[in-house]
Structures are given as C-alpha cells and as structure tokens.
Amino acid sequence: MILWLSLLGCGAGPSVDPAGDLSVDLPDGELSDLGDATAPDGQVGRDRHRMTVPQLADSIERVTGLRWMDGDDDQFEEYSASLGVPDWIERTSENRTPDLVFNKLLDDAAADICLELVDLESMGGEHLLVGVTLSSTLETDRQAIEAALSRALLRFHGHNIPVGDDRLGGWTWLFESSVNVTSGDTHMAWRAVCTALLIHPDFYTY
C-alpha cells in the first residue's frame, strides 16, 4: 500500500480512498514552522540542499534501523541513476534538487519503511513507538503519545520540542486526525506520522 502525505496542504483534511490508502493534508504553517531556516534580518543565509542519495539512505537507516529493500536489492541503489547519482562517465556531479522524481521515490521509500517499522514496533520500540503501543490513543495515553512524538522529532529532525510546546500541535493533530479518519486505526496513524517525518524537508535537507 502506498501512503501519500502532503505536509504543505491547504487544510483539506485527511481522507481515505476506496483502496484504503491514507491521504493527509496539513494546514499551512503547522509543520513547516519547525526548523525554519530563514536567516535573521541583516544576515546572509544560504539555500538549503538535499542530502545525497547515499546520505539519505544512511540517514533513514540511522533513524529507523531499516533500509529501503526489495528482497536483497537496495532500492536507493536501484534508482540511483533516476535520482541523479553520478556515474562518472556521463554525469560527474549529483543533482541536489528535490525534484518530482526525488520526492516520488522518497514517498515510496517512506511508505515501505514506515509500514515495516510500525509492524516491528507495534508493541513498543526504540525508534518511533517509544513508550507506547498500538493500543495507545490520545484519549488513554496522551502524555505518552506526545512524549513519543517529541522523541521522534528529536531523532528524525534534530528538534528538541518538549511536551506541551505549541510546535508539537501539528504532529499531535496528524496522529489524531489519522486515527479519526481510519475509524481508530492507530497502525495507520503511526505510519502517517512516520512517513511525514521522513518526507519533511527538515529530514532530507540541511
């Protein structure tokens, strides 16, 4: 199942298509406020760049413990040419623009990895579901879920956002909305959170 998320939506809200795929559009300003790279007035900043493909594959493995695999085949290596990795014959530099091909393949990678990660950590884990299980909901374990989201933001994005901070609200909303639209499916909700973390620019750019 391919999970599609848009982090910069227009407030359309989450929906589920007939095939069961989850689509979540977040309101403007909710998640993009995290890690704003805009330079202060009077200072010269630089454009953010995306990671190279090897850096991206290694970073995903570091935060999730998993690589994007199809059997024994590393999918980032399989699609390296499409992602602009230099072959040192026809191409000697890597395209570092997060273009449509890059975003499509990152979506696919995040969907596959997050499905596997949530399955592995369904009873609690060390990467995403830290201190919670799939039976945890905001109604029964709000403090634990917000703490897990806070840890995830530190692990995936390097942002230390404590429980109770307003910047955590967009992620709590994403989890809660995903639960509501899937009639209580917390497995899908954590997949949505995981995918949003991986496809967010704060993960793959610096």
N, C-alpha and C. Protein backbone atom coordinates (compact mmCIF):
# COMPACT_ATOMS: atom_id res chain seq x y z
N MET A 1 0.84 -1.19 0.00
CA MET A 1 0.00 0.00 0.00
C MET A 1 0.88 1.24 0.00
N ILE A 2 0.62 2.17 -0.88
CA ILE A 2 1.41 3.39 -0.95
C ILE A 2 0.72 4.48 -0.15
N LEU A 3 1.45 5.09 0.75
CA LEU A 3 0.91 6.11 1.65
C LEU A 3 1.36 7.48 1.17
N TRP A 4 0.39 8.32 0.82
CA TRP A 4 0.72 9.66 0.29
C TRP A 4 0.39 10.69 1.34
N LEU A 5 1.36 11.60 1.61
CA LEU A 5 1.15 12.67 2.56
C LEU A 5 1.58 13.99 1.94
N SER A 6 0.89 15.05 2.23
CA SER A 6 1.33 16.37 1.82
C SER A 6 1.50 17.22 3.06
N LEU A 7 2.72 17.68 3.32
CA LEU A 7 2.98 18.47 4.52
C LEU A 7 2.62 19.94 4.36
N LEU A 8 2.42 20.38 3.14
CA LEU A 8 2.12 21.78 2.93
C LEU A 8 0.78 21.91 2.22
N GLY A 9 -0.23 21.25 2.73
CA GLY A 9 -1.55 21.26 2.12
C GLY A 9 -2.29 22.54 2.40
N CYS A 10 -3.49 22.58 1.95
CA CYS A 10 -4.30 23.80 2.11
C CYS A 10 -5.41 23.58 3.12
N GLY A 11 -5.21 22.70 4.08
CA GLY A 11 -6.21 22.50 5.10
C GLY A 11 -7.34 21.63 4.66
N ALA A 12 -7.13 20.79 3.65
CA ALA A 12 -8.22 19.98 3.13
C ALA A 12 -8.60 18.86 4.06
N GLY A 13 -7.69 18.46 4.96
CA GLY A 13 -8.01 17.40 5.90
C GLY A 13 -7.73 16.04 5.33
N PRO A 14 -7.70 15.00 6.21
CA PRO A 14 -7.36 13.67 5.77
C PRO A 14 -8.52 12.96 5.11
N SER A 15 -8.20 11.99 4.24
CA SER A 15 -9.22 11.17 3.60
C SER A 15 -8.66 9.82 3.29
N VAL A 16 -9.54 8.85 3.04
CA VAL A 16 -9.12 7.50 2.68
C VAL A 16 -9.79 7.14 1.37
N ASP A 17 -8.99 6.69 0.38
CA ASP A 17 -9.59 6.34 -0.90
C ASP A 17 -10.15 4.93 -0.82
N PRO A 18 -10.89 4.49 -1.84
CA PRO A 18 -11.52 3.17 -1.78
C PRO A 18 -10.53 2.04 -1.61
N ALA A 19 -9.29 2.21 -2.00
CA ALA A 19 -8.30 1.15 -1.85
C ALA A 19 -7.73 1.11 -0.44
N GLY A 20 -8.11 2.08 0.39
CA GLY A 20 -7.65 2.09 1.76
C GLY A 20 -6.42 2.93 2.00
N ASP A 21 -5.92 3.62 0.99
CA ASP A 21 -4.73 4.45 1.17
C ASP A 21 -5.10 5.73 1.91
N LEU A 22 -4.20 6.16 2.78
CA LEU A 22 -4.44 7.34 3.59
C LEU A 22 -3.80 8.56 2.96
N SER A 23 -4.55 9.64 2.85
CA SER A 23 -4.01 10.90 2.37
C SER A 23 -4.27 11.95 3.43
N VAL A 24 -3.22 12.65 3.86
CA VAL A 24 -3.36 13.65 4.91
C VAL A 24 -2.78 14.96 4.42
N ASP A 25 -3.58 16.02 4.40
CA ASP A 25 -3.12 17.35 4.04
C ASP A 25 -3.10 18.20 5.30
N LEU A 26 -1.93 18.74 5.64
CA LEU A 26 -1.81 19.55 6.84
C LEU A 26 -2.03 21.02 6.51
N PRO A 27 -2.61 21.77 7.45
CA PRO A 27 -2.82 23.20 7.20
C PRO A 27 -1.49 23.92 7.06
N ASP A 28 -1.50 25.04 6.32
CA ASP A 28 -0.29 25.84 6.18
C ASP A 28 0.20 26.28 7.56
N GLY A 29 1.53 26.20 7.75
CA GLY A 29 2.11 26.76 8.95
C GLY A 29 2.23 25.82 10.11
N GLU A 30 1.57 24.67 10.06
CA GLU A 30 1.60 23.77 11.20
C GLU A 30 2.97 23.12 11.38
N LEU A 31 3.41 22.39 10.34
CA LEU A 31 4.66 21.67 10.46
C LEU A 31 5.83 22.42 9.87
N SER A 32 5.58 23.30 8.90
CA SER A 32 6.68 23.99 8.24
C SER A 32 7.35 24.99 9.17
N ASP A 33 6.70 25.35 10.27
CA ASP A 33 7.34 26.25 11.23
C ASP A 33 8.52 25.59 11.92
N LEU A 34 8.54 24.26 11.97
CA LEU A 34 9.63 23.56 12.64
C LEU A 34 10.90 23.69 11.82
N GLY A 35 11.95 24.12 12.46
CA GLY A 35 13.23 24.17 11.78
C GLY A 35 13.30 25.21 10.68
N ASP A 36 12.60 26.31 10.82
CA ASP A 36 12.62 27.34 9.78
C ASP A 36 14.06 27.80 9.56
N ALA A 37 14.53 27.72 8.31
CA ALA A 37 15.92 28.03 8.02
C ALA A 37 16.12 29.45 7.52
N THR A 38 15.11 30.29 7.63
CA THR A 38 15.23 31.67 7.16
C THR A 38 16.27 32.42 7.98
N ALA A 39 17.18 33.10 7.33
CA ALA A 39 18.24 33.83 8.03
C ALA A 39 17.65 35.06 8.72
N PRO A 40 18.18 35.44 9.90
CA PRO A 40 17.72 36.66 10.58
C PRO A 40 18.00 37.88 9.72
N ASP A 41 17.26 38.97 9.99
CA ASP A 41 17.45 40.21 9.24
C ASP A 41 18.90 40.66 9.35
N GLY A 42 19.46 41.08 8.21
CA GLY A 42 20.82 41.59 8.22
C GLY A 42 21.88 40.53 8.07
N GLN A 43 21.50 39.25 8.06
CA GLN A 43 22.46 38.18 7.91
C GLN A 43 22.27 37.50 6.55
N VAL A 44 23.35 37.03 6.01
CA VAL A 44 23.30 36.35 4.72
C VAL A 44 23.20 34.85 4.96
N GLY A 45 22.14 34.25 4.45
CA GLY A 45 21.98 32.81 4.61
C GLY A 45 22.35 32.10 3.32
N ARG A 46 22.08 30.83 3.26
CA ARG A 46 22.33 30.07 2.05
C ARG A 46 21.12 29.19 1.78
N ASP A 47 20.97 28.80 0.53
CA ASP A 47 19.89 27.89 0.18
C ASP A 47 20.16 26.54 0.82
N ARG A 48 19.10 25.88 1.24
CA ARG A 48 19.24 24.55 1.79
C ARG A 48 19.42 23.56 0.64
N HIS A 49 20.18 22.51 0.89
CA HIS A 49 20.42 21.48 -0.10
C HIS A 49 19.91 20.15 0.44
N ARG A 50 19.47 19.32 -0.49
CA ARG A 50 19.07 17.99 -0.04
C ARG A 50 20.31 17.11 0.11
N MET A 51 20.15 16.05 0.89
CA MET A 51 21.23 15.09 1.05
C MET A 51 21.53 14.41 -0.27
N THR A 52 22.72 13.86 -0.39
CA THR A 52 22.99 12.97 -1.50
C THR A 52 22.20 11.68 -1.26
N VAL A 53 22.07 10.87 -2.28
CA VAL A 53 21.30 9.63 -2.14
C VAL A 53 21.94 8.69 -1.11
N PRO A 54 23.26 8.48 -1.12
CA PRO A 54 23.85 7.65 -0.06
C PRO A 54 23.62 8.22 1.33
N GLN A 55 23.71 9.55 1.48
CA GLN A 55 23.45 10.17 2.78
C GLN A 55 22.00 9.92 3.20
N LEU A 56 21.08 10.04 2.25
CA LEU A 56 19.67 9.83 2.56
C LEU A 56 19.42 8.39 3.01
N ALA A 57 19.97 7.42 2.28
CA ALA A 57 19.78 6.02 2.64
C ALA A 57 20.36 5.74 4.03
N ASP A 58 21.54 6.27 4.31
CA ASP A 58 22.17 6.05 5.61
C ASP A 58 21.41 6.75 6.73
N SER A 59 20.88 7.94 6.45
CA SER A 59 20.13 8.68 7.46
C SER A 59 18.83 7.97 7.80
N ILE A 60 18.15 7.44 6.79
CA ILE A 60 16.92 6.69 7.05
C ILE A 60 17.23 5.46 7.91
N GLU A 61 18.32 4.79 7.59
CA GLU A 61 18.69 3.62 8.39
C GLU A 61 19.03 4.02 9.83
N ARG A 62 19.69 5.16 9.99
CA ARG A 62 20.07 5.59 11.33
C ARG A 62 18.84 5.88 12.19
N VAL A 63 17.82 6.53 11.62
CA VAL A 63 16.67 6.92 12.44
C VAL A 63 15.63 5.81 12.57
N THR A 64 15.60 4.87 11.62
CA THR A 64 14.58 3.81 11.67
C THR A 64 15.16 2.42 11.92
N GLY A 65 16.45 2.26 11.67
CA GLY A 65 17.05 0.93 11.76
C GLY A 65 16.82 0.08 10.53
N LEU A 66 16.25 0.68 9.47
CA LEU A 66 15.87 -0.08 8.28
C LEU A 66 16.42 0.58 7.03
N ARG A 67 16.64 -0.23 5.99
CA ARG A 67 16.98 0.28 4.67
C ARG A 67 15.83 -0.04 3.72
N TRP A 68 15.75 0.71 2.65
CA TRP A 68 14.68 0.51 1.65
C TRP A 68 15.10 -0.64 0.73
N MET A 69 14.56 -1.81 1.01
CA MET A 69 14.97 -3.01 0.30
C MET A 69 13.79 -3.66 -0.42
N ASP A 70 14.10 -4.34 -1.52
CA ASP A 70 13.17 -5.24 -2.18
C ASP A 70 13.90 -6.57 -2.30
N GLY A 71 13.63 -7.46 -1.36
CA GLY A 71 14.43 -8.68 -1.29
C GLY A 71 15.85 -8.34 -0.87
N ASP A 72 16.81 -8.70 -1.69
CA ASP A 72 18.22 -8.38 -1.41
C ASP A 72 18.68 -7.11 -2.12
N ASP A 73 17.78 -6.43 -2.81
CA ASP A 73 18.15 -5.26 -3.60
C ASP A 73 17.89 -3.97 -2.84
N ASP A 74 18.94 -3.17 -2.70
CA ASP A 74 18.81 -1.85 -2.10
C ASP A 74 18.15 -0.94 -3.14
N GLN A 75 16.96 -0.43 -2.81
CA GLN A 75 16.18 0.33 -3.79
C GLN A 75 16.80 1.68 -4.10
N PHE A 76 17.50 2.28 -3.16
CA PHE A 76 18.16 3.55 -3.47
C PHE A 76 19.29 3.33 -4.48
N GLU A 77 19.97 2.21 -4.39
CA GLU A 77 20.98 1.89 -5.39
C GLU A 77 20.32 1.57 -6.73
N GLU A 78 19.18 0.88 -6.67
CA GLU A 78 18.46 0.51 -7.90
C GLU A 78 18.04 1.76 -8.68
N TYR A 79 17.61 2.80 -7.95
CA TYR A 79 17.10 4.01 -8.61
C TYR A 79 18.12 5.13 -8.60
N SER A 80 19.38 4.82 -8.36
CA SER A 80 20.40 5.87 -8.23
C SER A 80 20.51 6.73 -9.48
N ALA A 81 20.41 6.12 -10.66
CA ALA A 81 20.52 6.90 -11.89
C ALA A 81 19.37 7.90 -12.02
N SER A 82 18.15 7.45 -11.69
CA SER A 82 16.99 8.34 -11.74
C SER A 82 17.09 9.47 -10.74
N LEU A 83 17.81 9.21 -9.64
CA LEU A 83 17.96 10.21 -8.59
C LEU A 83 19.16 11.12 -8.81
N GLY A 84 19.83 10.96 -9.94
CA GLY A 84 20.89 11.88 -10.29
C GLY A 84 22.24 11.57 -9.71
N VAL A 85 22.45 10.33 -9.22
CA VAL A 85 23.75 9.95 -8.68
C VAL A 85 24.75 9.87 -9.83
N PRO A 86 25.92 10.49 -9.70
CA PRO A 86 26.89 10.48 -10.81
C PRO A 86 27.41 9.08 -11.12
N ASP A 87 27.54 8.79 -12.42
CA ASP A 87 28.13 7.51 -12.85
C ASP A 87 29.58 7.68 -13.26
N TRP A 88 30.07 8.92 -13.22
CA TRP A 88 31.46 9.28 -13.53
C TRP A 88 31.84 8.99 -14.99
N ILE A 89 30.82 8.77 -15.82
CA ILE A 89 31.05 8.63 -17.26
C ILE A 89 30.30 9.74 -17.98
N GLU A 90 28.97 9.72 -17.84
CA GLU A 90 28.15 10.76 -18.45
C GLU A 90 27.79 11.86 -17.46
N ARG A 91 27.88 11.56 -16.16
CA ARG A 91 27.50 12.52 -15.14
C ARG A 91 28.55 12.50 -14.04
N THR A 92 29.08 13.67 -13.71
CA THR A 92 30.14 13.74 -12.69
C THR A 92 29.71 14.49 -11.44
N SER A 93 28.52 15.03 -11.42
CA SER A 93 28.01 15.69 -10.22
C SER A 93 26.56 15.28 -10.01
N GLU A 94 26.15 15.30 -8.77
CA GLU A 94 24.80 14.85 -8.44
C GLU A 94 23.83 16.01 -8.42
N ASN A 95 22.67 15.80 -9.01
CA ASN A 95 21.59 16.77 -8.93
C ASN A 95 21.08 16.80 -7.50
N ARG A 96 21.25 17.92 -6.81
CA ARG A 96 20.85 18.02 -5.41
C ARG A 96 19.52 18.75 -5.25
N THR A 97 18.75 18.81 -6.30
CA THR A 97 17.44 19.45 -6.24
C THR A 97 16.38 18.43 -5.86
N PRO A 98 15.54 18.74 -4.87
CA PRO A 98 14.45 17.82 -4.52
C PRO A 98 13.33 17.90 -5.55
N ASP A 99 13.57 17.34 -6.74
CA ASP A 99 12.61 17.45 -7.83
C ASP A 99 11.50 16.41 -7.69
N LEU A 100 10.64 16.34 -8.70
CA LEU A 100 9.48 15.44 -8.62
C LEU A 100 9.90 13.98 -8.52
N VAL A 101 10.95 13.59 -9.24
CA VAL A 101 11.40 12.19 -9.18
C VAL A 101 11.91 11.87 -7.78
N PHE A 102 12.71 12.77 -7.23
CA PHE A 102 13.22 12.56 -5.88
C PHE A 102 12.08 12.42 -4.88
N ASN A 103 11.13 13.34 -4.93
CA ASN A 103 10.02 13.31 -3.97
C ASN A 103 9.15 12.08 -4.13
N LYS A 104 8.93 11.64 -5.39
CA LYS A 104 8.14 10.43 -5.62
C LYS A 104 8.83 9.20 -5.02
N LEU A 105 10.14 9.07 -5.24
CA LEU A 105 10.85 7.92 -4.72
C LEU A 105 10.99 7.99 -3.20
N LEU A 106 11.14 9.18 -2.66
CA LEU A 106 11.18 9.31 -1.20
C LEU A 106 9.83 8.94 -0.60
N ASP A 107 8.74 9.34 -1.25
CA ASP A 107 7.40 8.91 -0.81
C ASP A 107 7.31 7.39 -0.76
N ASP A 108 7.76 6.74 -1.83
CA ASP A 108 7.69 5.28 -1.89
C ASP A 108 8.56 4.64 -0.82
N ALA A 109 9.76 5.18 -0.63
CA ALA A 109 10.66 4.64 0.38
C ALA A 109 10.06 4.79 1.77
N ALA A 110 9.52 5.97 2.06
CA ALA A 110 8.93 6.22 3.37
C ALA A 110 7.74 5.30 3.63
N ALA A 111 6.90 5.10 2.62
CA ALA A 111 5.73 4.24 2.77
C ALA A 111 6.15 2.82 3.11
N ASP A 112 7.12 2.28 2.38
CA ASP A 112 7.56 0.90 2.62
C ASP A 112 8.25 0.76 3.98
N ILE A 113 9.14 1.68 4.28
CA ILE A 113 9.90 1.60 5.53
C ILE A 113 8.99 1.80 6.73
N CYS A 114 8.07 2.75 6.64
CA CYS A 114 7.19 3.02 7.78
C CYS A 114 6.22 1.88 8.04
N LEU A 115 5.76 1.22 6.99
CA LEU A 115 4.91 0.05 7.18
C LEU A 115 5.68 -1.01 7.97
N GLU A 116 6.92 -1.27 7.57
CA GLU A 116 7.73 -2.28 8.25
C GLU A 116 8.07 -1.84 9.67
N LEU A 117 8.41 -0.56 9.84
CA LEU A 117 8.80 -0.08 11.16
C LEU A 117 7.65 -0.18 12.16
N VAL A 118 6.47 0.26 11.76
CA VAL A 118 5.33 0.20 12.69
C VAL A 118 4.96 -1.25 13.01
N ASP A 119 5.06 -2.13 12.02
CA ASP A 119 4.84 -3.55 12.30
C ASP A 119 5.82 -4.06 13.35
N LEU A 120 7.10 -3.71 13.17
CA LEU A 120 8.13 -4.18 14.09
C LEU A 120 7.96 -3.59 15.49
N GLU A 121 7.49 -2.35 15.57
CA GLU A 121 7.41 -1.66 16.86
C GLU A 121 5.98 -1.61 17.40
N SER A 122 5.11 -2.47 16.93
CA SER A 122 3.70 -2.39 17.31
C SER A 122 3.48 -2.53 18.81
N MET A 123 4.40 -3.21 19.48
CA MET A 123 4.29 -3.37 20.94
C MET A 123 5.28 -2.47 21.67
N GLY A 124 5.74 -1.42 20.99
CA GLY A 124 6.71 -0.51 21.59
C GLY A 124 8.07 -0.73 20.94
N GLY A 125 8.87 0.33 20.85
CA GLY A 125 10.16 0.19 20.20
C GLY A 125 11.12 1.27 20.61
N GLU A 126 12.23 1.38 19.88
CA GLU A 126 13.26 2.35 20.23
C GLU A 126 13.42 3.45 19.20
N HIS A 127 12.69 3.37 18.09
CA HIS A 127 12.84 4.37 17.04
C HIS A 127 11.64 5.32 16.95
N LEU A 128 10.43 4.78 16.96
CA LEU A 128 9.23 5.60 16.77
C LEU A 128 8.25 5.42 17.92
N LEU A 129 7.77 4.21 18.13
CA LEU A 129 6.79 3.96 19.18
C LEU A 129 7.50 3.75 20.52
N VAL A 130 8.14 4.80 21.00
CA VAL A 130 8.89 4.73 22.25
C VAL A 130 7.94 5.01 23.42
N GLY A 131 7.73 4.00 24.25
CA GLY A 131 6.87 4.18 25.41
C GLY A 131 5.39 4.04 25.12
N VAL A 132 5.03 3.68 23.87
CA VAL A 132 3.62 3.48 23.52
C VAL A 132 3.49 2.21 22.69
N THR A 133 2.27 1.72 22.54
CA THR A 133 1.97 0.59 21.68
C THR A 133 0.81 0.98 20.78
N LEU A 134 0.38 0.07 19.92
CA LEU A 134 -0.75 0.37 19.03
C LEU A 134 -2.07 0.48 19.78
N SER A 135 -2.09 0.06 21.03
CA SER A 135 -3.32 0.23 21.82
C SER A 135 -3.40 1.62 22.45
N SER A 136 -2.31 2.39 22.38
CA SER A 136 -2.29 3.72 22.97
C SER A 136 -3.03 4.71 22.08
N THR A 137 -3.89 5.52 22.69
CA THR A 137 -4.59 6.58 21.98
C THR A 137 -4.44 7.87 22.77
N LEU A 138 -4.81 8.98 22.14
CA LEU A 138 -4.73 10.25 22.85
C LEU A 138 -5.70 10.29 24.02
N GLU A 139 -6.81 9.57 23.90
CA GLU A 139 -7.78 9.54 24.98
C GLU A 139 -7.24 8.80 26.20
N THR A 140 -6.47 7.76 25.97
CA THR A 140 -5.98 6.94 27.09
C THR A 140 -4.54 7.25 27.49
N ASP A 141 -3.71 7.71 26.54
CA ASP A 141 -2.28 7.88 26.81
C ASP A 141 -1.73 9.14 26.14
N ARG A 142 -2.42 10.26 26.28
CA ARG A 142 -1.99 11.48 25.60
C ARG A 142 -0.56 11.85 25.96
N GLN A 143 -0.22 11.84 27.24
CA GLN A 143 1.11 12.25 27.65
C GLN A 143 2.17 11.36 27.01
N ALA A 144 1.93 10.04 26.98
CA ALA A 144 2.90 9.11 26.40
C ALA A 144 3.04 9.31 24.90
N ILE A 145 1.92 9.54 24.20
CA ILE A 145 1.98 9.74 22.75
C ILE A 145 2.69 11.04 22.42
N GLU A 146 2.39 12.11 23.15
CA GLU A 146 3.08 13.37 22.89
C GLU A 146 4.57 13.24 23.19
N ALA A 147 4.91 12.48 24.23
CA ALA A 147 6.33 12.25 24.53
C ALA A 147 7.00 11.47 23.41
N ALA A 148 6.29 10.47 22.84
CA ALA A 148 6.84 9.70 21.72
C ALA A 148 7.04 10.58 20.49
N LEU A 149 6.09 11.48 20.23
CA LEU A 149 6.22 12.41 19.11
C LEU A 149 7.39 13.36 19.33
N SER A 150 7.55 13.81 20.57
CA SER A 150 8.67 14.70 20.90
C SER A 150 10.00 14.00 20.65
N ARG A 151 10.11 12.74 21.08
CA ARG A 151 11.34 11.98 20.85
C ARG A 151 11.59 11.77 19.36
N ALA A 152 10.50 11.50 18.62
CA ALA A 152 10.64 11.27 17.18
C ALA A 152 11.15 12.52 16.47
N LEU A 153 10.66 13.68 16.85
CA LEU A 153 11.12 14.92 16.23
C LEU A 153 12.60 15.17 16.51
N LEU A 154 13.05 14.79 17.70
CA LEU A 154 14.47 14.93 18.02
C LEU A 154 15.29 13.93 17.20
N ARG A 155 14.80 12.71 17.07
CA ARG A 155 15.53 11.68 16.34
C ARG A 155 15.55 11.97 14.84
N PHE A 156 14.41 12.31 14.26
CA PHE A 156 14.30 12.45 12.81
C PHE A 156 14.75 13.83 12.31
N HIS A 157 14.45 14.89 13.09
CA HIS A 157 14.70 16.25 12.61
C HIS A 157 15.72 17.02 13.44
N GLY A 158 16.09 16.48 14.58
CA GLY A 158 17.04 17.19 15.44
C GLY A 158 16.42 18.35 16.20
N HIS A 159 15.08 18.38 16.30
CA HIS A 159 14.40 19.45 17.02
C HIS A 159 14.01 18.97 18.41
N ASN A 160 14.46 19.69 19.43
CA ASN A 160 14.12 19.35 20.80
C ASN A 160 12.87 20.13 21.20
N ILE A 161 11.72 19.52 21.00
CA ILE A 161 10.43 20.17 21.26
C ILE A 161 9.74 19.43 22.39
N PRO A 162 9.68 20.01 23.57
CA PRO A 162 9.12 19.30 24.72
C PRO A 162 7.61 19.15 24.65
N VAL A 163 7.11 18.20 25.40
CA VAL A 163 5.67 18.02 25.52
C VAL A 163 5.06 19.31 26.06
N GLY A 164 3.97 19.73 25.44
CA GLY A 164 3.31 20.97 25.84
C GLY A 164 3.67 22.16 24.96
N ASP A 165 4.73 22.04 24.17
CA ASP A 165 5.13 23.11 23.26
C ASP A 165 4.13 23.18 22.11
N ASP A 166 3.73 24.40 21.73
CA ASP A 166 2.75 24.57 20.66
C ASP A 166 3.21 23.95 19.34
N ARG A 167 4.54 23.89 19.10
CA ARG A 167 5.05 23.35 17.85
C ARG A 167 4.80 21.85 17.71
N LEU A 168 4.45 21.21 18.80
CA LEU A 168 4.11 19.80 18.75
C LEU A 168 2.68 19.58 18.27
N GLY A 169 1.90 20.64 18.27
CA GLY A 169 0.48 20.51 17.98
C GLY A 169 0.16 19.95 16.60
N GLY A 170 0.94 20.33 15.58
CA GLY A 170 0.66 19.83 14.24
C GLY A 170 0.84 18.32 14.15
N TRP A 171 1.82 17.79 14.87
CA TRP A 171 2.07 16.35 14.83
C TRP A 171 1.03 15.58 15.63
N THR A 172 0.61 16.17 16.75
CA THR A 172 -0.48 15.55 17.51
C THR A 172 -1.76 15.54 16.68
N TRP A 173 -2.01 16.66 15.98
CA TRP A 173 -3.18 16.74 15.11
C TRP A 173 -3.13 15.69 14.02
N LEU A 174 -1.93 15.48 13.42
CA LEU A 174 -1.79 14.48 12.37
C LEU A 174 -2.13 13.09 12.90
N PHE A 175 -1.61 12.75 14.07
CA PHE A 175 -1.91 11.44 14.65
C PHE A 175 -3.40 11.30 14.93
N GLU A 176 -3.97 12.30 15.59
CA GLU A 176 -5.39 12.22 15.97
C GLU A 176 -6.29 12.19 14.74
N SER A 177 -6.00 13.02 13.74
CA SER A 177 -6.83 13.05 12.53
C SER A 177 -6.75 11.73 11.78
N SER A 178 -5.56 11.14 11.76
CA SER A 178 -5.40 9.85 11.08
C SER A 178 -6.18 8.76 11.79
N VAL A 179 -6.17 8.79 13.11
CA VAL A 179 -6.97 7.82 13.87
C VAL A 179 -8.45 8.00 13.57
N ASN A 180 -8.91 9.25 13.56
CA ASN A 180 -10.33 9.51 13.34
C ASN A 180 -10.79 9.10 11.95
N VAL A 181 -9.99 9.42 10.93
CA VAL A 181 -10.41 9.15 9.56
C VAL A 181 -10.34 7.67 9.23
N THR A 182 -9.57 6.90 9.98
CA THR A 182 -9.46 5.46 9.74
C THR A 182 -10.25 4.65 10.76
N SER A 183 -11.17 5.31 11.44
CA SER A 183 -12.04 4.65 12.42
C SER A 183 -11.24 3.94 13.51
N GLY A 184 -10.21 4.63 14.00
CA GLY A 184 -9.48 4.11 15.15
C GLY A 184 -8.25 3.30 14.83
N ASP A 185 -7.77 3.34 13.58
CA ASP A 185 -6.61 2.54 13.18
C ASP A 185 -5.32 3.26 13.57
N THR A 186 -4.79 2.95 14.76
CA THR A 186 -3.56 3.60 15.22
C THR A 186 -2.35 3.12 14.43
N HIS A 187 -2.40 1.93 13.85
CA HIS A 187 -1.32 1.46 12.99
C HIS A 187 -1.15 2.42 11.81
N MET A 188 -2.26 2.77 11.16
CA MET A 188 -2.20 3.71 10.05
C MET A 188 -1.77 5.09 10.52
N ALA A 189 -2.19 5.48 11.71
CA ALA A 189 -1.82 6.80 12.24
C ALA A 189 -0.32 6.91 12.46
N TRP A 190 0.30 5.88 13.01
CA TRP A 190 1.74 5.93 13.22
C TRP A 190 2.49 5.84 11.89
N ARG A 191 1.93 5.13 10.92
CA ARG A 191 2.53 5.14 9.58
C ARG A 191 2.49 6.54 8.99
N ALA A 192 1.38 7.24 9.20
CA ALA A 192 1.26 8.60 8.70
C ALA A 192 2.30 9.51 9.34
N VAL A 193 2.46 9.38 10.66
CA VAL A 193 3.45 10.20 11.37
C VAL A 193 4.86 9.88 10.87
N CYS A 194 5.18 8.60 10.77
CA CYS A 194 6.50 8.17 10.32
C CYS A 194 6.78 8.70 8.92
N THR A 195 5.83 8.55 8.02
CA THR A 195 6.01 9.00 6.65
C THR A 195 6.20 10.51 6.59
N ALA A 196 5.38 11.25 7.35
CA ALA A 196 5.50 12.70 7.37
C ALA A 196 6.87 13.14 7.87
N LEU A 197 7.41 12.42 8.85
CA LEU A 197 8.74 12.74 9.37
C LEU A 197 9.81 12.55 8.31
N LEU A 198 9.70 11.49 7.53
CA LEU A 198 10.73 11.18 6.53
C LEU A 198 10.66 12.06 5.29
N ILE A 199 9.46 12.46 4.88
CA ILE A 199 9.35 13.27 3.67
C ILE A 199 9.39 14.77 3.94
N HIS A 200 9.48 15.13 5.20
CA HIS A 200 9.57 16.54 5.58
C HIS A 200 10.94 17.09 5.19
N PRO A 201 11.02 18.31 4.63
CA PRO A 201 12.31 18.89 4.25
C PRO A 201 13.31 18.97 5.40
N ASP A 202 12.83 19.06 6.64
CA ASP A 202 13.75 19.11 7.76
C ASP A 202 14.50 17.79 7.95
N PHE A 203 14.03 16.73 7.32
CA PHE A 203 14.76 15.47 7.38
C PHE A 203 15.81 15.38 6.29
N TYR A 204 15.44 15.73 5.06
CA TYR A 204 16.35 15.44 3.95
C TYR A 204 17.13 16.64 3.43
N THR A 205 16.95 17.83 4.05
CA THR A 205 17.75 18.99 3.64
C THR A 205 18.55 19.52 4.81
N TYR A 206 19.58 20.28 4.47
CA TYR A 206 20.41 20.89 5.51
C TYR A 206 21.01 22.21 5.01
